[in-house]
Amino acid sequence: MFSKELLSLLFGVITSWQVIAVTIVVVLYLFLVTYVGRLYHRPRFISSLPSKVKKKKEETTAAPPEGSGDESEQETNDELGLEEE
């Protein structure tokens, strides 16, 4: 199918110093771009972050551990208008 002249021309073009130099430059550029992209990539925890925040809020709003019942707890309950059980 291919003539000998076409094969020799393609071989000459592919092995020319310009094509080899441009190929090397493009490969180095792509390597640099991917390296910088990985370096500054921030992991995305969008879906898991709110669930963690909700869990922390649930833990903090859960019933406080029963303490000695000192006056500071009584004052905060009075300020909030809550009654002790």
PDB file of N, CA and C in Angstrom:
ATOM      1  N   MET A   1       0.808  -1.196   0.000  1.00  0.00           N
ATOM      2  CA  MET A   1       0.000   0.000   0.000  1.00  0.00           C
ATOM      3  C   MET A   1       0.852   1.261   0.000  1.00  0.00           C
ATOM      4  N   PHE A   2       1.758   1.343   0.966  1.00  0.00           N
ATOM      5  CA  PHE A   2       2.597   2.526   1.033  1.00  0.00           C
ATOM      6  C   PHE A   2       3.788   2.363   0.104  1.00  0.00           C
ATOM      7  N   SER A   3       4.117   3.456  -0.498  1.00  0.00           N
ATOM      8  CA  SER A   3       5.304   3.405  -1.345  1.00  0.00           C
ATOM      9  C   SER A   3       6.549   3.601  -0.482  1.00  0.00           C
ATOM     10  N   LYS A   4       7.675   3.214  -0.999  1.00  0.00           N
ATOM     11  CA  LYS A   4       8.929   3.341  -0.251  1.00  0.00           C
ATOM     12  C   LYS A   4       9.262   4.807   0.005  1.00  0.00           C
ATOM     13  N   GLU A   5       8.890   5.667  -0.928  1.00  0.00           N
ATOM     14  CA  GLU A   5       9.168   7.094  -0.750  1.00  0.00           C
ATOM     15  C   GLU A   5       8.365   7.676   0.423  1.00  0.00           C
ATOM     16  N   LEU A   6       7.084   7.267   0.511  1.00  0.00           N
ATOM     17  CA  LEU A   6       6.246   7.756   1.605  1.00  0.00           C
ATOM     18  C   LEU A   6       6.765   7.266   2.948  1.00  0.00           C
ATOM     19  N   LEU A   7       7.164   6.022   3.038  1.00  0.00           N
ATOM     20  CA  LEU A   7       7.708   5.494   4.284  1.00  0.00           C
ATOM     21  C   LEU A   7       9.001   6.206   4.676  1.00  0.00           C
ATOM     22  N   SER A   8       9.846   6.451   3.739  1.00  0.00           N
ATOM     23  CA  SER A   8      11.091   7.149   4.060  1.00  0.00           C
ATOM     24  C   SER A   8      10.818   8.594   4.461  1.00  0.00           C
ATOM     25  N   LEU A   9       9.816   9.226   3.834  1.00  0.00           N
ATOM     26  CA  LEU A   9       9.461  10.589   4.204  1.00  0.00           C
ATOM     27  C   LEU A   9       8.910  10.642   5.633  1.00  0.00           C
ATOM     28  N   LEU A  10       7.996   9.730   5.969  1.00  0.00           N
ATOM     29  CA  LEU A  10       7.446   9.681   7.324  1.00  0.00           C
ATOM     30  C   LEU A  10       8.538   9.401   8.357  1.00  0.00           C
ATOM     31  N   PHE A  11       9.404   8.479   8.051  1.00  0.00           N
ATOM     32  CA  PHE A  11      10.506   8.174   8.961  1.00  0.00           C
ATOM     33  C   PHE A  11      11.404   9.400   9.140  1.00  0.00           C
ATOM     34  N   GLY A  12      11.658  10.105   8.080  1.00  0.00           N
ATOM     35  CA  GLY A  12      12.498  11.307   8.160  1.00  0.00           C
ATOM     36  C   GLY A  12      11.840  12.411   8.977  1.00  0.00           C
ATOM     37  N   VAL A  13      10.526  12.578   8.829  1.00  0.00           N
ATOM     38  CA  VAL A  13       9.815  13.615   9.582  1.00  0.00           C
ATOM     39  C   VAL A  13       9.746  13.254  11.060  1.00  0.00           C
ATOM     40  N   ILE A  14       9.423  12.013  11.349  1.00  0.00           N
ATOM     41  CA  ILE A  14       9.277  11.605  12.752  1.00  0.00           C
ATOM     42  C   ILE A  14      10.605  11.673  13.493  1.00  0.00           C
ATOM     43  N   THR A  15      11.686  11.357  12.817  1.00  0.00           N
ATOM     44  CA  THR A  15      12.991  11.356  13.485  1.00  0.00           C
ATOM     45  C   THR A  15      13.743  12.672  13.340  1.00  0.00           C
ATOM     46  N   SER A  16      13.103  13.706  12.837  1.00  0.00           N
ATOM     47  CA  SER A  16      13.789  15.000  12.732  1.00  0.00           C
ATOM     48  C   SER A  16      13.939  15.611  14.118  1.00  0.00           C
ATOM     49  N   TRP A  17      14.945  16.441  14.276  1.00  0.00           N
ATOM     50  CA  TRP A  17      15.226  17.003  15.590  1.00  0.00           C
ATOM     51  C   TRP A  17      14.125  17.955  16.045  1.00  0.00           C
ATOM     52  N   GLN A  18      13.427  18.617  15.125  1.00  0.00           N
ATOM     53  CA  GLN A  18      12.353  19.534  15.511  1.00  0.00           C
ATOM     54  C   GLN A  18      11.180  18.770  16.138  1.00  0.00           C
ATOM     55  N   VAL A  19      10.790  17.662  15.520  1.00  0.00           N
ATOM     56  CA  VAL A  19       9.671  16.891  16.038  1.00  0.00           C
ATOM     57  C   VAL A  19      10.029  16.287  17.388  1.00  0.00           C
ATOM     58  N   ILE A  20      11.220  15.792  17.523  1.00  0.00           N
ATOM     59  CA  ILE A  20      11.652  15.200  18.792  1.00  0.00           C
ATOM     60  C   ILE A  20      11.714  16.268  19.879  1.00  0.00           C
ATOM     61  N   ALA A  21      12.236  17.456  19.561  1.00  0.00           N
ATOM     62  CA  ALA A  21      12.333  18.538  20.546  1.00  0.00           C
ATOM     63  C   ALA A  21      10.952  19.011  20.983  1.00  0.00           C
ATOM     64  N   VAL A  22      10.032  19.187  20.057  1.00  0.00           N
ATOM     65  CA  VAL A  22       8.682  19.635  20.403  1.00  0.00           C
ATOM     66  C   VAL A  22       7.981  18.570  21.245  1.00  0.00           C
ATOM     67  N   THR A  23       8.169  17.317  20.927  1.00  0.00           N
ATOM     68  CA  THR A  23       7.561  16.235  21.703  1.00  0.00           C
ATOM     69  C   THR A  23       8.070  16.247  23.135  1.00  0.00           C
ATOM     70  N   ILE A  24       9.363  16.423  23.310  1.00  0.00           N
ATOM     71  CA  ILE A  24       9.945  16.471  24.654  1.00  0.00           C
ATOM     72  C   ILE A  24       9.412  17.671  25.432  1.00  0.00           C
ATOM     73  N   VAL A  25       9.310  18.823  24.775  1.00  0.00           N
ATOM     74  CA  VAL A  25       8.806  20.019  25.448  1.00  0.00           C
ATOM     75  C   VAL A  25       7.350  19.830  25.864  1.00  0.00           C
ATOM     76  N   VAL A  26       6.540  19.247  25.015  1.00  0.00           N
ATOM     77  CA  VAL A  26       5.130  19.020  25.340  1.00  0.00           C
ATOM     78  C   VAL A  26       5.001  18.044  26.513  1.00  0.00           C
ATOM     79  N   VAL A  27       5.798  16.997  26.519  1.00  0.00           N
ATOM     80  CA  VAL A  27       5.750  16.027  27.620  1.00  0.00           C
ATOM     81  C   VAL A  27       6.167  16.684  28.930  1.00  0.00           C
ATOM     82  N   LEU A  28       7.212  17.484  28.918  1.00  0.00           N
ATOM     83  CA  LEU A  28       7.646  18.182  30.131  1.00  0.00           C
ATOM     84  C   LEU A  28       6.589  19.174  30.613  1.00  0.00           C
ATOM     85  N   TYR A  29       5.948  19.872  29.681  1.00  0.00           N
ATOM     86  CA  TYR A  29       4.901  20.814  30.039  1.00  0.00           C
ATOM     87  C   TYR A  29       3.722  20.087  30.691  1.00  0.00           C
ATOM     88  N   LEU A  30       3.298  18.979  30.128  1.00  0.00           N
ATOM     89  CA  LEU A  30       2.196  18.218  30.710  1.00  0.00           C
ATOM     90  C   LEU A  30       2.565  17.671  32.087  1.00  0.00           C
ATOM     91  N   PHE A  31       3.802  17.219  32.237  1.00  0.00           N
ATOM     92  CA  PHE A  31       4.263  16.747  33.540  1.00  0.00           C
ATOM     93  C   PHE A  31       4.213  17.870  34.570  1.00  0.00           C
ATOM     94  N   LEU A  32       4.670  19.058  34.184  1.00  0.00           N
ATOM     95  CA  LEU A  32       4.661  20.206  35.093  1.00  0.00           C
ATOM     96  C   LEU A  32       3.238  20.606  35.481  1.00  0.00           C
ATOM     97  N   VAL A  33       2.334  20.615  34.518  1.00  0.00           N
ATOM     98  CA  VAL A  33       0.946  20.986  34.794  1.00  0.00           C
ATOM     99  C   VAL A  33       0.297  19.985  35.747  1.00  0.00           C
ATOM    100  N   THR A  34       0.494  18.703  35.523  1.00  0.00           N
ATOM    101  CA  THR A  34      -0.103  17.705  36.414  1.00  0.00           C
ATOM    102  C   THR A  34       0.527  17.758  37.808  1.00  0.00           C
ATOM    103  N   TYR A  35       1.818  18.048  37.891  1.00  0.00           N
ATOM    104  CA  TYR A  35       2.483  18.163  39.187  1.00  0.00           C
ATOM    105  C   TYR A  35       1.922  19.335  39.985  1.00  0.00           C
ATOM    106  N   VAL A  36       1.786  20.482  39.349  1.00  0.00           N
ATOM    107  CA  VAL A  36       1.242  21.653  40.037  1.00  0.00           C
ATOM    108  C   VAL A  36      -0.216  21.415  40.406  1.00  0.00           C
ATOM    109  N   GLY A  37      -0.950  20.741  39.541  1.00  0.00           N
ATOM    110  CA  GLY A  37      -2.343  20.429  39.853  1.00  0.00           C
ATOM    111  C   GLY A  37      -2.466  19.536  41.059  1.00  0.00           C
ATOM    112  N   ARG A  38      -1.603  18.535  41.180  1.00  0.00           N
ATOM    113  CA  ARG A  38      -1.633  17.662  42.352  1.00  0.00           C
ATOM    114  C   ARG A  38      -1.153  18.383  43.594  1.00  0.00           C
ATOM    115  N   LEU A  39      -0.204  19.311  43.419  1.00  0.00           N
ATOM    116  CA  LEU A  39       0.353  20.035  44.552  1.00  0.00           C
ATOM    117  C   LEU A  39      -0.685  20.934  45.204  1.00  0.00           C
ATOM    118  N   TYR A  40      -1.490  21.609  44.396  1.00  0.00           N
ATOM    119  CA  TYR A  40      -2.475  22.550  44.918  1.00  0.00           C
ATOM    120  C   TYR A  40      -3.879  21.981  44.971  1.00  0.00           C
ATOM    121  N   HIS A  41      -4.026  20.684  44.785  1.00  0.00           N
ATOM    122  CA  HIS A  41      -5.350  20.066  44.822  1.00  0.00           C
ATOM    123  C   HIS A  41      -5.840  19.998  46.254  1.00  0.00           C
ATOM    124  N   ARG A  42      -7.043  20.483  46.476  1.00  0.00           N
ATOM    125  CA  ARG A  42      -7.644  20.403  47.797  1.00  0.00           C
ATOM    126  C   ARG A  42      -8.682  19.297  47.773  1.00  0.00           C
ATOM    127  N   PRO A  43      -8.603  18.370  48.700  1.00  0.00           N
ATOM    128  CA  PRO A  43      -9.608  17.302  48.715  1.00  0.00           C
ATOM    129  C   PRO A  43     -10.984  17.867  49.007  1.00  0.00           C
ATOM    130  N   ARG A  44     -11.969  17.314  48.355  1.00  0.00           N
ATOM    131  CA  ARG A  44     -13.342  17.797  48.509  1.00  0.00           C
ATOM    132  C   ARG A  44     -14.119  16.825  49.372  1.00  0.00           C
ATOM    133  N   PHE A  45     -14.551  17.322  50.527  1.00  0.00           N
ATOM    134  CA  PHE A  45     -15.343  16.516  51.435  1.00  0.00           C
ATOM    135  C   PHE A  45     -16.718  17.154  51.592  1.00  0.00           C
ATOM    136  N   ILE A  46     -17.280  17.587  50.497  1.00  0.00           N
ATOM    137  CA  ILE A  46     -18.533  18.325  50.548  1.00  0.00           C
ATOM    138  C   ILE A  46     -19.650  17.454  51.115  1.00  0.00           C
ATOM    139  N   SER A  47     -19.774  16.234  50.652  1.00  0.00           N
ATOM    140  CA  SER A  47     -20.879  15.392  51.102  1.00  0.00           C
ATOM    141  C   SER A  47     -20.667  14.880  52.522  1.00  0.00           C
ATOM    142  N   SER A  48     -19.442  14.622  52.931  1.00  0.00           N
ATOM    143  CA  SER A  48     -19.211  14.061  54.257  1.00  0.00           C
ATOM    144  C   SER A  48     -19.074  15.132  55.328  1.00  0.00           C
ATOM    145  N   LEU A  49     -18.738  16.353  54.957  1.00  0.00           N
ATOM    146  CA  LEU A  49     -18.531  17.401  55.942  1.00  0.00           C
ATOM    147  C   LEU A  49     -19.810  17.771  56.685  1.00  0.00           C
ATOM    148  N   PRO A  50     -20.928  17.996  56.018  1.00  0.00           N
ATOM    149  CA  PRO A  50     -22.131  18.344  56.776  1.00  0.00           C
ATOM    150  C   PRO A  50     -22.578  17.248  57.732  1.00  0.00           C
ATOM    151  N   SER A  51     -22.399  15.995  57.383  1.00  0.00           N
ATOM    152  CA  SER A  51     -22.804  14.939  58.294  1.00  0.00           C
ATOM    153  C   SER A  51     -21.949  14.949  59.553  1.00  0.00           C
ATOM    154  N   LYS A  52     -20.667  15.256  59.424  1.00  0.00           N
ATOM    155  CA  LYS A  52     -19.809  15.346  60.598  1.00  0.00           C
ATOM    156  C   LYS A  52     -20.211  16.533  61.463  1.00  0.00           C
ATOM    157  N   VAL A  53     -20.564  17.640  60.818  1.00  0.00           N
ATOM    158  CA  VAL A  53     -20.979  18.814  61.567  1.00  0.00           C
ATOM    159  C   VAL A  53     -22.280  18.525  62.298  1.00  0.00           C
ATOM    160  N   LYS A  54     -23.207  17.828  61.631  1.00  0.00           N
ATOM    161  CA  LYS A  54     -24.464  17.478  62.271  1.00  0.00           C
ATOM    162  C   LYS A  54     -24.234  16.573  63.473  1.00  0.00           C
ATOM    163  N   LYS A  55     -23.337  15.607  63.330  1.00  0.00           N
ATOM    164  CA  LYS A  55     -23.048  14.704  64.447  1.00  0.00           C
ATOM    165  C   LYS A  55     -22.478  15.470  65.624  1.00  0.00           C
ATOM    166  N   LYS A  56     -21.572  16.425  65.343  1.00  0.00           N
ATOM    167  CA  LYS A  56     -20.985  17.207  66.426  1.00  0.00           C
ATOM    168  C   LYS A  56     -22.047  18.061  67.101  1.00  0.00           C
ATOM    169  N   LYS A  57     -22.957  18.629  66.305  1.00  0.00           N
ATOM    170  CA  LYS A  57     -24.017  19.442  66.896  1.00  0.00           C
ATOM    171  C   LYS A  57     -24.931  18.585  67.748  1.00  0.00           C
ATOM    172  N   GLU A  58     -25.247  17.365  67.297  1.00  0.00           N
ATOM    173  CA  GLU A  58     -26.093  16.477  68.067  1.00  0.00           C
ATOM    174  C   GLU A  58     -25.417  16.098  69.380  1.00  0.00           C
ATOM    175  N   GLU A  59     -24.101  15.879  69.331  1.00  0.00           N
ATOM    176  CA  GLU A  59     -23.384  15.525  70.546  1.00  0.00           C
ATOM    177  C   GLU A  59     -23.364  16.689  71.527  1.00  0.00           C
ATOM    178  N   THR A  60     -23.198  17.905  71.014  1.00  0.00           N
ATOM    179  CA  THR A  60     -23.133  19.056  71.913  1.00  0.00           C
ATOM    180  C   THR A  60     -24.499  19.432  72.444  1.00  0.00           C
ATOM    181  N   THR A  61     -25.564  19.158  71.684  1.00  0.00           N
ATOM    182  CA  THR A  61     -26.901  19.487  72.156  1.00  0.00           C
ATOM    183  C   THR A  61     -27.524  18.353  72.951  1.00  0.00           C
ATOM    184  N   ALA A  62     -26.852  17.227  73.040  1.00  0.00           N
ATOM    185  CA  ALA A  62     -27.366  16.108  73.825  1.00  0.00           C
ATOM    186  C   ALA A  62     -27.403  16.515  75.287  1.00  0.00           C
ATOM    187  N   ALA A  63     -28.109  15.741  76.074  1.00  0.00           N
ATOM    188  CA  ALA A  63     -28.245  16.056  77.499  1.00  0.00           C
ATOM    189  C   ALA A  63     -26.872  16.119  78.149  1.00  0.00           C
ATOM    190  N   PRO A  64     -26.616  17.186  78.893  1.00  0.00           N
ATOM    191  CA  PRO A  64     -25.308  17.307  79.550  1.00  0.00           C
ATOM    192  C   PRO A  64     -25.173  16.243  80.631  1.00  0.00           C
ATOM    193  N   PRO A  65     -23.972  15.813  80.889  1.00  0.00           N
ATOM    194  CA  PRO A  65     -23.777  14.802  81.931  1.00  0.00           C
ATOM    195  C   PRO A  65     -24.205  15.365  83.282  1.00  0.00           C
ATOM    196  N   GLU A  66     -24.794  14.478  84.060  1.00  0.00           N
ATOM    197  CA  GLU A  66     -25.272  14.927  85.362  1.00  0.00           C
ATOM    198  C   GLU A  66     -24.080  15.231  86.246  1.00  0.00           C
ATOM    199  N   GLY A  67     -24.047  16.444  86.694  1.00  0.00           N
ATOM    200  CA  GLY A  67     -22.927  16.884  87.517  1.00  0.00           C
ATOM    201  C   GLY A  67     -23.319  16.952  88.967  1.00  0.00           C
ATOM    202  N   SER A  68     -22.598  17.752  89.721  1.00  0.00           N
ATOM    203  CA  SER A  68     -22.859  17.885  91.152  1.00  0.00           C
ATOM    204  C   SER A  68     -24.005  18.842  91.415  1.00  0.00           C
ATOM    205  N   GLY A  69     -24.490  19.509  90.390  1.00  0.00           N
ATOM    206  CA  GLY A  69     -25.612  20.427  90.563  1.00  0.00           C
ATOM    207  C   GLY A  69     -25.181  21.719  91.219  1.00  0.00           C
ATOM    208  N   ASP A  70     -24.019  22.206  90.864  1.00  0.00           N
ATOM    209  CA  ASP A  70     -23.532  23.412  91.493  1.00  0.00           C
ATOM    210  C   ASP A  70     -24.323  24.638  91.036  1.00  0.00           C
ATOM    211  N   GLU A  71     -24.037  25.779  91.618  1.00  0.00           N
ATOM    212  CA  GLU A  71     -24.817  26.984  91.400  1.00  0.00           C
ATOM    213  C   GLU A  71     -24.708  27.510  89.971  1.00  0.00           C
ATOM    214  N   SER A  72     -23.591  27.297  89.303  1.00  0.00           N
ATOM    215  CA  SER A  72     -23.435  27.830  87.952  1.00  0.00           C
ATOM    216  C   SER A  72     -24.432  27.186  87.002  1.00  0.00           C
ATOM    217  N   GLU A  73     -24.722  25.887  87.185  1.00  0.00           N
ATOM    218  CA  GLU A  73     -25.723  25.226  86.368  1.00  0.00           C
ATOM    219  C   GLU A  73     -27.104  25.765  86.694  1.00  0.00           C
ATOM    220  N   GLN A  74     -27.358  26.035  87.952  1.00  0.00           N
ATOM    221  CA  GLN A  74     -28.655  26.558  88.379  1.00  0.00           C
ATOM    222  C   GLN A  74     -28.872  27.944  87.786  1.00  0.00           C
ATOM    223  N   GLU A  75     -27.850  28.766  87.788  1.00  0.00           N
ATOM    224  CA  GLU A  75     -27.983  30.111  87.251  1.00  0.00           C
ATOM    225  C   GLU A  75     -28.289  30.072  85.759  1.00  0.00           C
ATOM    226  N   THR A  76     -27.609  29.212  85.007  1.00  0.00           N
ATOM    227  CA  THR A  76     -27.857  29.147  83.580  1.00  0.00           C
ATOM    228  C   THR A  76     -29.253  28.622  83.305  1.00  0.00           C
ATOM    229  N   ASN A  77     -29.735  27.686  84.104  1.00  0.00           N
ATOM    230  CA  ASN A  77     -31.092  27.182  83.927  1.00  0.00           C
ATOM    231  C   ASN A  77     -32.112  28.276  84.231  1.00  0.00           C
ATOM    232  N   ASP A  78     -31.840  29.067  85.263  1.00  0.00           N
ATOM    233  CA  ASP A  78     -32.742  30.160  85.609  1.00  0.00           C
ATOM    234  C   ASP A  78     -32.763  31.206  84.492  1.00  0.00           C
ATOM    235  N   GLU A  79     -31.586  31.504  83.952  1.00  0.00           N
ATOM    236  CA  GLU A  79     -31.504  32.497  82.884  1.00  0.00           C
ATOM    237  C   GLU A  79     -32.275  32.033  81.653  1.00  0.00           C
ATOM    238  N   LEU A  80     -32.246  30.751  81.371  1.00  0.00           N
ATOM    239  CA  LEU A  80     -32.926  30.216  80.214  1.00  0.00           C
ATOM    240  C   LEU A  80     -34.389  29.930  80.481  1.00  0.00           C
ATOM    241  N   GLY A  81     -34.797  30.000  81.707  1.00  0.00           N
ATOM    242  CA  GLY A  81     -36.182  29.724  82.053  1.00  0.00           C
ATOM    243  C   GLY A  81     -36.489  28.243  82.072  1.00  0.00           C
ATOM    244  N   LEU A  82     -35.490  27.430  82.419  1.00  0.00           N
ATOM    245  CA  LEU A  82     -35.680  25.988  82.456  1.00  0.00           C
ATOM    246  C   LEU A  82     -35.836  25.528  83.900  1.00  0.00           C
ATOM    247  N   GLU A  83     -36.554  24.461  84.066  1.00  0.00           N
ATOM    248  CA  GLU A  83     -36.717  23.885  85.397  1.00  0.00           C
ATOM    249  C   GLU A  83     -35.926  22.594  85.478  1.00  0.00           C
ATOM    250  N   GLU A  84     -35.366  22.341  86.655  1.00  0.00           N
ATOM    251  CA  GLU A  84     -34.634  21.094  86.849  1.00  0.00           C
ATOM    252  C   GLU A  84     -35.614  19.969  87.121  1.00  0.00           C
ATOM    253  N   GLU A  85     -35.235  18.776  86.701  1.00  0.00           N
ATOM    254  CA  GLU A  85     -36.102  17.609  86.928  1.00  0.00           C
ATOM    255  C   GLU A  85     -35.756  16.912  88.187  1.00  0.00           C
TER     256      GLU A  85
END
